[in-house]
């Protein structure tokens, strides 16, 4: 059987592999920021319970050593809430 002659296809220019397009660069920047935000959120989730426990321990010591009263602590918490708002 005779061989079929291959028809030449129009040559396409391929994008070099090392280059990144503007859209891809934007996506990598956004994904990098998302990773950093996720890492910070994870760190906060780990540290926050420890800080809360330390504050509670300090409050306990203040009450035990009679350096302040329970009402003083309640007013201090209320002051902090007002500052946050």
Protein backbone atom coordinates (compact mmCIF):
# COMPACT_ATOMS: atom_id res chain seq x y z
CA UNK A 1 0.00 0.00 0.00
CA UNK A 2 1.29 3.46 -0.73
CA UNK A 3 2.08 5.75 2.16
CA UNK A 4 -0.17 8.73 2.69
CA UNK A 5 1.52 12.03 2.32
CA UNK A 6 1.40 14.11 5.49
CA UNK A 7 -0.07 17.52 5.06
CA UNK A 8 1.77 20.25 6.83
CA UNK A 9 -0.21 22.02 9.52
CA UNK A 10 0.17 25.72 10.01
CA UNK A 11 2.83 26.27 12.65
CA UNK A 12 1.58 27.72 15.92
CA UNK A 13 3.73 29.79 18.17
CA UNK A 14 3.95 28.33 21.62
CA UNK A 15 4.35 30.47 24.67
CA UNK A 16 7.68 29.94 26.41
CA UNK A 17 7.27 27.82 29.53
CA UNK A 18 9.30 30.06 31.80
CA UNK A 19 7.16 33.15 31.30
CA UNK A 20 4.11 33.91 33.33
CA UNK A 21 1.20 35.82 31.90
CA UNK A 22 -0.27 38.80 33.72
CA UNK A 23 -3.40 36.87 34.68
CA UNK A 24 -1.37 34.00 36.10
CA UNK A 25 0.85 36.40 38.04
CA UNK A 26 -2.21 38.01 39.57
CA UNK A 27 -3.58 34.62 40.59
CA UNK A 28 -0.31 33.57 42.22
CA UNK A 29 -0.18 36.83 44.18
CA UNK A 30 -3.74 36.37 45.39
CA UNK A 31 -3.13 32.75 46.30
CA UNK A 32 0.04 33.78 48.16
CA UNK A 33 -1.94 36.33 50.15
CA UNK A 34 -4.62 33.75 50.87
CA UNK A 35 -1.96 31.38 52.19
CA UNK A 36 -0.55 34.08 54.48
CA UNK A 37 -4.01 34.95 55.79
CA UNK A 38 -4.71 31.26 56.45
CA UNK A 39 -1.40 30.90 58.32
CA UNK A 40 -2.12 33.98 60.44
CA UNK A 41 -5.62 32.73 61.22
CA UNK A 42 -4.20 29.39 62.30
CA UNK A 43 -1.63 31.08 64.56
CA UNK A 44 -4.30 33.24 66.16
CA UNK A 45 -6.48 30.19 66.75
CA UNK A 46 -3.56 28.55 68.56
CA UNK A 47 -2.49 31.58 70.63
CA UNK A 48 -5.87 33.02 71.59
CA UNK A 49 -6.89 30.28 74.09
CA UNK A 50 -3.50 30.57 75.82
CA UNK A 51 -3.81 34.35 76.15
CA UNK A 52 -7.35 33.98 77.48
CA UNK A 53 -6.18 31.47 80.08
CA UNK A 54 -3.37 33.78 81.20
CA UNK A 55 -5.76 36.72 81.61
CA UNK A 56 -8.08 34.53 83.67
CA UNK A 57 -5.14 33.44 85.84
CA UNK A 58 -4.12 37.07 86.40
CA UNK A 59 -7.66 38.01 87.35
CA UNK A 60 -7.73 35.11 89.80
CA UNK A 61 -4.47 36.27 91.40
CA UNK A 62 -5.71 39.86 91.66
CA UNK A 63 -8.81 38.66 93.49
CA UNK A 64 -6.90 36.20 95.68
CA UNK A 65 -4.33 38.80 96.76
CA UNK A 66 -7.16 41.29 97.28
CA UNK A 67 -5.55 43.84 94.98
CA UNK A 68 -8.93 44.54 93.38
CA UNK A 69 -12.56 43.57 93.73
CA UNK A 70 -14.80 41.59 91.41
CA UNK A 71 -16.66 44.79 90.51
CA UNK A 72 -13.37 46.37 89.42
CA UNK A 73 -12.72 43.50 87.01
CA UNK A 74 -16.26 43.72 85.66
CA UNK A 75 -15.88 47.45 85.02
CA UNK A 76 -12.50 46.87 83.35
CA UNK A 77 -14.04 44.32 80.97
CA UNK A 78 -16.87 46.71 80.19
CA UNK A 79 -14.33 49.47 79.44
CA UNK A 80 -12.49 47.19 77.01
CA UNK A 81 -15.75 46.29 75.24
CA UNK A 82 -16.56 49.98 74.82
CA UNK A 83 -13.10 50.68 73.39
CA UNK A 84 -13.50 47.87 70.84
CA UNK A 85 -16.84 49.20 69.59
